[in-house]
N, C-alpha and C. Protein backbone atom coordinates (compact mmCIF):
# COMPACT_ATOMS: atom_id res chain seq x y z
N MET A 1 -47.71 19.31 1.84
CA MET A 1 -46.79 19.43 1.00
C MET A 1 -45.24 19.96 1.72
N ASN A 2 -46.15 20.98 2.63
CA ASN A 2 -44.50 21.28 4.27
C ASN A 2 -44.26 20.07 5.43
N ILE A 3 -44.49 18.83 5.53
CA ILE A 3 -44.20 17.77 6.21
C ILE A 3 -43.52 17.23 5.00
N LEU A 4 -43.98 17.25 3.81
CA LEU A 4 -43.06 16.70 3.60
C LEU A 4 -41.29 17.27 3.19
N ILE A 5 -40.68 18.37 3.07
CA ILE A 5 -40.47 19.25 3.21
C ILE A 5 -39.98 18.96 4.66
N ILE A 6 -40.07 19.37 5.23
CA ILE A 6 -39.40 18.75 7.19
C ILE A 6 -38.82 16.99 7.05
N LEU A 7 -40.08 16.76 6.19
CA LEU A 7 -38.82 15.64 6.24
C LEU A 7 -37.78 15.16 5.45
N LEU A 8 -37.87 15.88 4.51
CA LEU A 8 -37.09 15.85 3.50
C LEU A 8 -35.44 16.54 3.99
N LEU A 9 -35.71 17.80 4.42
CA LEU A 9 -34.84 18.48 5.41
C LEU A 9 -34.03 17.92 6.62
N ILE A 10 -35.12 16.94 6.96
CA ILE A 10 -34.51 16.25 8.20
C ILE A 10 -33.75 14.69 7.15
N PHE A 11 -34.02 14.45 6.89
CA PHE A 11 -33.06 13.16 5.93
C PHE A 11 -32.03 14.23 5.43
N LEU A 12 -31.36 14.84 4.50
CA LEU A 12 -30.73 15.89 4.26
C LEU A 12 -29.57 16.21 5.28
N ALA A 13 -29.79 16.49 6.29
CA ALA A 13 -29.70 16.32 7.87
C ALA A 13 -29.43 15.09 8.13
N PHE A 14 -29.52 14.46 7.79
CA PHE A 14 -29.05 12.78 8.11
C PHE A 14 -27.71 12.11 7.65
N VAL A 15 -27.70 13.02 5.88
CA VAL A 15 -27.59 12.06 5.77
C VAL A 15 -25.89 13.02 5.73
N LEU A 16 -26.11 14.75 5.72
CA LEU A 16 -24.63 15.10 6.44
C LEU A 16 -24.37 14.88 7.16
N LEU A 17 -25.36 14.47 8.45
CA LEU A 17 -24.39 13.98 9.33
C LEU A 17 -23.35 12.98 9.18
N MET A 18 -23.86 12.58 8.23
CA MET A 18 -23.30 10.79 8.49
C MET A 18 -22.16 10.82 7.94
N ILE A 19 -22.31 11.82 6.85
CA ILE A 19 -20.67 12.00 5.14
C ILE A 19 -19.38 12.96 6.54
N GLU A 20 -20.05 13.78 7.63
CA GLU A 20 -18.96 14.10 8.93
C GLU A 20 -18.87 12.89 9.76
N PHE A 21 -19.35 12.55 9.99
CA PHE A 21 -18.87 11.08 10.83
C PHE A 21 -18.12 10.35 10.17
N THR A 22 -18.10 10.05 8.65
CA THR A 22 -17.79 8.74 7.88
C THR A 22 -17.01 9.82 6.72
N ILE A 23 -17.08 10.65 6.03
CA ILE A 23 -16.22 10.83 4.52
C ILE A 23 -14.77 11.23 5.28
N LEU A 24 -15.87 12.69 6.02
CA LEU A 24 -14.47 14.03 5.75
C LEU A 24 -15.22 14.38 7.81
N PRO A 25 -15.12 13.18 8.29
CA PRO A 25 -14.67 13.97 9.63
C PRO A 25 -13.38 14.97 9.54
N GLY A 26 -14.14 15.66 10.86
CA GLY A 26 -13.22 16.60 10.76
C GLY A 26 -13.05 18.10 10.19
N SER A 27 -14.05 18.14 8.57
CA SER A 27 -14.38 18.90 8.18
C SER A 27 -15.24 20.26 8.69
N THR A 28 -15.75 19.92 9.36
CA THR A 28 -17.10 20.59 10.25
C THR A 28 -18.11 21.46 8.59
N ILE A 29 -17.97 21.25 7.73
CA ILE A 29 -18.73 21.35 6.77
C ILE A 29 -19.73 20.73 6.70
N ALA A 30 -19.51 19.78 6.48
CA ALA A 30 -20.37 18.80 6.02
C ALA A 30 -21.82 19.01 7.91
N GLY A 31 -21.18 18.76 8.42
CA GLY A 31 -21.45 19.21 10.40
C GLY A 31 -22.51 20.48 10.22
N ILE A 32 -22.09 21.27 9.80
CA ILE A 32 -23.01 22.93 9.91
C ILE A 32 -23.65 23.22 9.89
N GLY A 33 -23.80 22.42 7.95
CA GLY A 33 -25.03 22.26 7.39
C GLY A 33 -26.20 21.33 8.02
N SER A 34 -25.44 20.04 8.10
CA SER A 34 -26.37 19.05 9.04
C SER A 34 -27.13 19.76 10.41
N VAL A 35 -26.42 21.03 10.85
CA VAL A 35 -27.41 21.30 12.23
C VAL A 35 -28.32 22.75 11.32
N LEU A 36 -28.25 23.19 10.93
CA LEU A 36 -28.63 24.03 9.38
C LEU A 36 -29.68 23.30 9.09
N LEU A 37 -29.39 22.55 8.90
CA LEU A 37 -30.83 21.72 7.60
C LEU A 37 -32.08 21.46 8.96
N PHE A 38 -31.29 21.34 10.05
CA PHE A 38 -31.96 19.91 11.45
C PHE A 38 -32.60 20.94 11.73
N GLY A 39 -31.74 22.82 12.25
CA GLY A 39 -32.87 24.38 12.11
C GLY A 39 -33.67 24.66 12.08
N TYR A 40 -33.33 23.84 10.56
CA TYR A 40 -34.77 24.66 9.62
C TYR A 40 -35.78 23.70 9.39
N SER A 41 -36.13 22.82 9.72
CA SER A 41 -36.58 21.42 10.05
C SER A 41 -37.42 22.22 10.93
N ILE A 42 -36.64 21.73 12.11
CA ILE A 42 -37.78 22.49 13.64
C ILE A 42 -38.69 23.76 13.82
N TYR A 43 -37.96 24.31 12.68
CA TYR A 43 -37.83 26.22 12.35
C TYR A 43 -39.23 25.89 11.82
N MET A 44 -39.35 25.43 11.22
CA MET A 44 -40.34 24.79 9.52
C MET A 44 -42.03 23.83 10.29
N ALA A 45 -41.72 23.26 11.27
CA ALA A 45 -42.70 22.36 12.23
C ALA A 45 -43.65 23.50 12.68
N PHE A 46 -42.81 24.94 13.91
CA PHE A 46 -43.32 24.81 15.00
C PHE A 46 -44.03 25.99 13.70
N THR A 47 -43.64 26.85 12.71
CA THR A 47 -43.60 28.05 12.16
C THR A 47 -44.74 27.02 11.67
N THR A 48 -45.41 26.59 11.37
CA THR A 48 -45.77 25.64 10.69
C THR A 48 -46.89 24.99 11.08
N TYR A 49 -46.71 23.91 12.07
CA TYR A 49 -47.62 23.66 12.51
C TYR A 49 -47.91 23.60 13.71
N GLY A 50 -47.85 24.93 14.90
CA GLY A 50 -47.27 25.15 15.54
C GLY A 50 -46.47 24.25 16.59
N ALA A 51 -46.76 24.53 18.50
CA ALA A 51 -45.92 23.93 19.82
C ALA A 51 -45.93 22.25 19.43
N LEU A 52 -46.75 21.82 19.35
CA LEU A 52 -46.57 20.33 19.84
C LEU A 52 -45.99 19.87 18.60
N THR A 53 -46.17 20.06 17.29
CA THR A 53 -45.14 18.95 16.55
C THR A 53 -43.93 19.78 16.34
N GLY A 54 -43.90 20.41 16.25
CA GLY A 54 -41.99 21.39 16.37
C GLY A 54 -41.55 20.66 17.46
N PHE A 55 -42.39 20.60 18.75
CA PHE A 55 -41.48 19.60 20.44
C PHE A 55 -41.03 18.43 19.72
N LEU A 56 -42.33 17.46 18.57
CA LEU A 56 -42.13 16.19 17.97
C LEU A 56 -41.07 16.08 17.40
N THR A 57 -40.85 16.86 16.82
CA THR A 57 -40.14 17.27 15.43
C THR A 57 -38.43 17.44 16.55
N LEU A 58 -38.08 17.74 17.12
CA LEU A 58 -37.33 18.59 17.65
C LEU A 58 -36.57 17.20 19.01
N GLY A 59 -38.25 17.07 19.65
CA GLY A 59 -37.34 15.44 20.16
C GLY A 59 -37.06 14.38 19.21
N PHE A 60 -37.64 14.28 18.16
CA PHE A 60 -37.52 13.01 17.44
C PHE A 60 -35.95 13.92 16.60
N VAL A 61 -35.75 14.99 17.10
CA VAL A 61 -34.30 15.17 16.10
C VAL A 61 -33.06 14.87 17.31
N VAL A 62 -33.41 15.07 18.63
CA VAL A 62 -32.21 15.00 19.34
C VAL A 62 -32.11 13.27 19.65
N ILE A 63 -33.41 13.05 19.77
CA ILE A 63 -33.22 11.33 19.78
C ILE A 63 -32.84 10.74 19.22
N VAL A 64 -33.06 10.59 17.78
CA VAL A 64 -32.67 9.80 16.88
C VAL A 64 -31.16 9.83 16.57
N ALA A 65 -30.83 11.38 16.24
CA ALA A 65 -29.38 11.58 15.79
C ALA A 65 -28.05 11.01 16.11
N PRO A 66 -28.83 10.96 17.67
CA PRO A 66 -27.64 10.48 17.83
C PRO A 66 -27.40 8.73 18.47
N ILE A 67 -28.38 8.58 18.39
CA ILE A 67 -28.93 6.83 18.50
C ILE A 67 -28.28 6.44 16.98
N LEU A 68 -28.44 7.13 16.34
CA LEU A 68 -28.37 6.82 14.24
C LEU A 68 -27.03 6.87 14.26
N ILE A 69 -26.23 7.30 15.04
CA ILE A 69 -24.45 7.97 15.22
C ILE A 69 -24.63 6.62 15.62
N VAL A 70 -24.46 6.42 16.84
CA VAL A 70 -24.12 5.10 17.92
C VAL A 70 -24.44 4.45 17.02
N ARG A 71 -25.79 3.40 16.86
CA ARG A 71 -25.98 2.94 15.66
C ARG A 71 -24.59 2.39 14.47
N LEU A 72 -24.56 3.17 13.92
CA LEU A 72 -23.56 3.15 12.28
C LEU A 72 -22.00 2.77 13.44
N PHE A 73 -21.67 3.26 14.47
CA PHE A 73 -20.44 3.24 14.79
C PHE A 73 -20.24 1.75 15.54
N LYS A 74 -22.03 1.39 16.38
CA LYS A 74 -21.14 -0.13 16.44
C LYS A 74 -22.32 -0.83 15.96
N GLY A 75 -23.06 -1.16 14.81
CA GLY A 75 -23.03 -1.78 13.97
C GLY A 75 -21.44 -2.56 13.25
N LYS A 76 -22.37 -3.84 11.82
CA LYS A 76 -20.66 -4.29 10.92
C LYS A 76 -20.49 -3.14 10.52
N THR A 77 -21.21 -2.11 9.97
CA THR A 77 -20.36 -1.00 8.84
C THR A 77 -19.54 -0.56 9.73
N GLY A 78 -19.87 0.07 10.33
CA GLY A 78 -18.93 1.49 11.37
C GLY A 78 -17.31 0.15 12.16
N LYS A 79 -17.87 -0.62 12.09
CA LYS A 79 -16.46 -2.04 12.77
C LYS A 79 -15.85 -1.38 11.53
N ARG A 80 -16.02 -1.82 9.77
CA ARG A 80 -14.97 -2.12 9.08
C ARG A 80 -14.55 -0.37 9.11
N MET A 81 -15.00 0.69 8.93
CA MET A 81 -14.31 2.15 9.26
C MET A 81 -13.59 2.10 9.80
N VAL A 82 -13.03 1.08 11.24
CA VAL A 82 -12.81 1.48 12.17
C VAL A 82 -11.44 0.95 12.26
N LEU A 83 -10.01 1.08 12.93
CA LEU A 83 -9.01 0.33 12.60
C LEU A 83 -8.97 -0.29 13.18
N SER A 84 -8.67 -1.41 13.38
CA SER A 84 -8.93 -2.33 14.97
C SER A 84 -7.35 -3.24 14.66
N THR A 85 -6.49 -2.98 13.05
CA THR A 85 -5.54 -4.17 13.91
C THR A 85 -4.14 -3.37 15.02
N ILE A 86 -3.40 -4.55 16.04
CA ILE A 86 -2.64 -4.49 16.83
C ILE A 86 -1.44 -4.55 16.38
N LEU A 87 -0.85 -4.01 16.47
CA LEU A 87 0.86 -4.40 16.01
C LEU A 87 1.87 -4.84 16.72
N THR A 88 2.59 -5.52 16.03
CA THR A 88 2.77 -6.49 17.10
C THR A 88 4.66 -5.96 16.88
N GLY A 89 4.72 -5.47 15.94
CA GLY A 89 6.75 -5.73 15.72
C GLY A 89 7.41 -4.60 16.87
N VAL A 90 8.53 -4.88 16.18
CA VAL A 90 9.53 -4.40 17.16
C VAL A 90 10.65 -3.45 16.68
N ALA A 91 10.59 -2.27 16.84
CA ALA A 91 12.17 -1.51 16.17
C ALA A 91 13.10 -2.49 15.89
N ASN A 92 14.47 -2.38 15.35
CA ASN A 92 15.56 -3.05 15.00
C ASN A 92 16.33 -2.79 16.48
N LEU A 93 16.34 -3.94 17.06
CA LEU A 93 16.63 -4.00 18.36
C LEU A 93 18.63 -4.19 17.74
N ILE A 94 19.68 -3.17 18.71
CA ILE A 94 20.84 -3.93 18.25
C ILE A 94 21.90 -5.06 19.22
N ASP A 95 22.69 -5.38 18.26
CA ASP A 95 23.58 -6.66 19.09
C ASP A 95 24.22 -5.70 19.64
N GLN A 96 24.00 -5.50 21.21
CA GLN A 96 25.32 -5.27 21.65
C GLN A 96 26.36 -5.71 21.66
N GLU A 97 26.36 -6.86 21.59
CA GLU A 97 28.33 -7.54 21.70
C GLU A 97 28.97 -7.65 20.42
N LYS A 98 28.44 -7.00 19.38
CA LYS A 98 28.30 -6.97 17.60
C LYS A 98 28.76 -5.75 17.74
N VAL A 99 28.07 -5.30 17.86
CA VAL A 99 28.29 -3.44 17.65
C VAL A 99 28.88 -2.79 18.89
N LYS A 100 29.67 -1.76 19.32
CA LYS A 100 30.00 -1.28 20.55
C LYS A 100 30.15 0.07 20.16
N VAL A 101 30.37 1.59 21.65
CA VAL A 101 30.97 2.64 20.74
C VAL A 101 31.63 2.13 20.78
N GLY A 102 32.82 3.05 19.95
CA GLY A 102 33.83 3.34 19.53
C GLY A 102 34.30 2.52 18.19
N ASP A 103 33.35 1.80 17.84
CA ASP A 103 33.65 1.12 17.64
C ASP A 103 34.35 1.48 15.44
N ILE A 104 34.77 1.32 14.04
CA ILE A 104 34.76 2.42 13.50
C ILE A 104 34.01 1.63 11.72
N GLY A 105 33.65 2.17 11.00
CA GLY A 105 32.63 1.88 10.13
C GLY A 105 32.69 2.11 9.08
N VAL A 106 32.26 1.94 8.41
CA VAL A 106 32.65 2.41 6.70
C VAL A 106 30.61 2.70 5.86
N THR A 107 31.26 4.21 5.86
CA THR A 107 29.42 3.56 5.36
C THR A 107 29.14 3.65 3.19
N ILE A 108 27.55 2.72 3.87
CA ILE A 108 27.54 2.28 3.03
C ILE A 108 26.49 3.40 1.38
N GLY A 109 26.43 4.86 1.44
CA GLY A 109 25.66 5.04 1.33
C GLY A 109 25.44 6.27 1.84
N ARG A 110 25.13 7.56 1.35
CA ARG A 110 25.57 8.44 2.28
C ARG A 110 24.47 8.68 3.22
N LEU A 111 25.17 9.64 4.45
CA LEU A 111 24.34 10.07 5.74
C LEU A 111 24.09 11.33 5.46
N ALA A 112 22.46 11.40 5.56
CA ALA A 112 22.18 12.75 5.46
C ALA A 112 20.72 12.82 6.24
N PRO A 113 20.62 12.97 7.37
CA PRO A 113 22.37 12.56 8.04
C PRO A 113 22.01 11.05 8.93
N MET A 114 20.44 11.08 8.02
CA MET A 114 21.01 9.47 8.00
C MET A 114 21.17 8.53 6.90
N GLY A 115 22.07 7.24 7.40
CA GLY A 115 22.05 6.24 6.19
C GLY A 115 22.53 4.89 7.31
N LYS A 116 22.84 4.08 6.42
CA LYS A 116 23.91 2.95 6.44
C LYS A 116 25.31 2.81 6.60
N ILE A 117 26.09 2.02 7.47
CA ILE A 117 26.69 1.64 7.82
C ILE A 117 27.20 0.13 8.19
N ARG A 118 28.35 -0.04 7.34
CA ARG A 118 29.13 -1.07 7.83
C ARG A 118 29.93 -1.64 8.89
N VAL A 119 30.08 -2.43 9.76
CA VAL A 119 30.60 -1.79 11.02
C VAL A 119 30.72 -3.36 11.68
N ASN A 120 32.28 -4.51 12.04
CA ASN A 120 32.16 -5.50 11.28
C ASN A 120 31.59 -6.86 11.05
N GLY A 121 31.30 -6.44 10.04
CA GLY A 121 30.20 -7.43 9.26
C GLY A 121 28.70 -7.16 9.19
N GLU A 122 28.48 -6.32 9.62
CA GLU A 122 26.76 -6.20 9.67
C GLU A 122 26.73 -5.05 9.80
N VAL A 123 25.94 -4.59 8.47
CA VAL A 123 24.44 -3.63 7.55
C VAL A 123 23.15 -3.06 9.10
N VAL A 124 24.16 -2.34 9.88
CA VAL A 124 22.82 -1.39 10.37
C VAL A 124 23.07 -0.02 10.14
N GLU A 125 21.96 0.62 10.46
CA GLU A 125 21.84 2.15 10.53
C GLU A 125 21.91 2.66 11.02
N VAL A 126 22.26 4.42 10.75
CA VAL A 126 22.85 4.86 11.77
C VAL A 126 22.53 6.60 11.88
N ARG A 127 22.51 7.15 12.64
CA ARG A 127 22.28 9.49 12.39
C ARG A 127 23.83 9.19 12.22
N SER A 128 23.89 10.67 11.89
CA SER A 128 25.16 11.15 12.34
C SER A 128 25.06 12.19 12.89
N THR A 129 25.93 12.87 13.49
CA THR A 129 25.93 14.11 14.06
C THR A 129 24.86 15.92 13.51
N GLY A 130 25.16 15.02 12.58
CA GLY A 130 23.79 15.94 11.78
C GLY A 130 24.64 17.09 11.06
N THR A 131 26.60 16.53 10.34
CA THR A 131 26.53 16.71 9.34
C THR A 131 26.59 16.14 7.65
N TYR A 132 26.91 15.79 7.12
CA TYR A 132 26.56 14.72 5.40
C TYR A 132 28.00 14.14 5.91
N VAL A 133 27.24 12.91 5.16
CA VAL A 133 28.47 11.83 5.23
C VAL A 133 28.39 11.29 4.17
N ASP A 134 29.62 11.20 2.83
CA ASP A 134 29.43 11.06 1.85
C ASP A 134 29.84 9.42 1.78
N PRO A 135 29.59 8.09 0.96
CA PRO A 135 29.64 6.49 1.05
C PRO A 135 31.16 6.71 1.03
N GLY A 136 31.19 5.21 1.49
CA GLY A 136 32.86 5.19 1.69
C GLY A 136 33.56 5.55 2.31
N GLU A 137 33.41 6.52 3.22
CA GLU A 137 33.95 7.83 4.08
C GLU A 137 33.86 6.22 6.10
N SER A 138 34.65 6.96 6.53
CA SER A 138 34.87 6.35 8.00
C SER A 138 34.50 6.62 8.75
N VAL A 139 33.51 6.33 9.87
CA VAL A 139 33.09 6.70 10.90
C VAL A 139 33.49 5.97 12.83
N ARG A 140 33.07 6.99 13.58
CA ARG A 140 32.81 6.09 14.87
C ARG A 140 32.00 6.22 14.95
N ILE A 141 31.27 5.36 15.88
CA ILE A 141 29.78 5.10 16.89
C ILE A 141 30.62 6.09 18.05
N ILE A 142 29.50 7.03 18.33
CA ILE A 142 30.03 7.73 19.67
C ILE A 142 28.34 7.10 20.77
N GLN A 143 27.34 6.79 20.01
CA GLN A 143 26.51 6.36 21.26
C GLN A 143 24.88 5.04 20.28
N ILE A 144 25.40 4.68 21.84
CA ILE A 144 23.95 4.04 21.41
C ILE A 144 22.78 4.00 21.82
N GLU A 145 21.58 4.32 21.65
CA GLU A 145 20.48 4.06 23.03
C GLU A 145 19.46 3.22 22.34
N LYS A 146 18.92 2.60 22.64
CA LYS A 146 17.72 1.75 22.13
C LYS A 146 17.88 0.94 20.93
N SER A 147 17.24 1.87 19.66
CA SER A 147 17.68 1.11 17.78
C SER A 147 17.50 2.44 17.51
N GLN A 148 19.17 3.04 17.42
CA GLN A 148 19.35 4.39 17.57
C GLN A 148 21.28 4.43 17.60
N ILE A 149 21.65 4.41 16.52
CA ILE A 149 22.90 4.34 16.41
C ILE A 149 23.59 5.84 15.77
N THR A 150 24.33 6.88 16.87
CA THR A 150 25.03 7.51 16.30
C THR A 150 26.08 7.40 15.90
N VAL A 151 26.83 8.67 14.93
CA VAL A 151 28.35 8.72 14.44
C VAL A 151 28.83 10.07 14.21
N GLU A 152 29.52 9.68 14.47
CA GLU A 152 30.56 11.24 13.41
C GLU A 152 31.75 10.86 12.66
N PRO A 153 32.31 11.77 11.38
CA PRO A 153 32.79 10.91 10.56
C PRO A 153 34.77 11.07 11.29
N LEU A 154 35.72 10.69 10.99
CA LEU A 154 36.52 9.62 11.44
C LEU A 154 37.52 11.65 11.06
N ASN A 155 37.18 12.07 9.70
CA ASN A 155 38.54 12.71 9.48
C ASN A 155 37.64 14.54 9.92
N LEU A 156 37.24 14.51 10.75
CA LEU A 156 37.16 16.01 11.25
C LEU A 156 38.04 17.08 11.51
């Protein structure tokens, strides 16, 4: 009967270990429970059946647990759990010929502090200098960095 309890504890410890790595990663509750169940099953094997069975149980746990984890993540199931999509998009590239530093635009919506303006017939997303700007206000472009335009209100 004790051997069934030991095997059940080891099985439950493996289940908790898989839960820790798949469903609740980083929570450590399932991981701590798994370590405790592994430890108690090894303790029971030593105290009930002696040193040989205890060391066999310890070896089984130490060798089989990492193999199961590696097989889980290397198999089909693990590949479905891992995010492998490659993003190929780029951020908004600003046409330097249409929008330049010093151009005057009108806000479409409220800049709080991000929003959109219409400048030279183009609608672009901008960032204000930190102040809120109401819709319909005139703004000046003061800086263009890669895909980020910074503006300031004209009525300062």
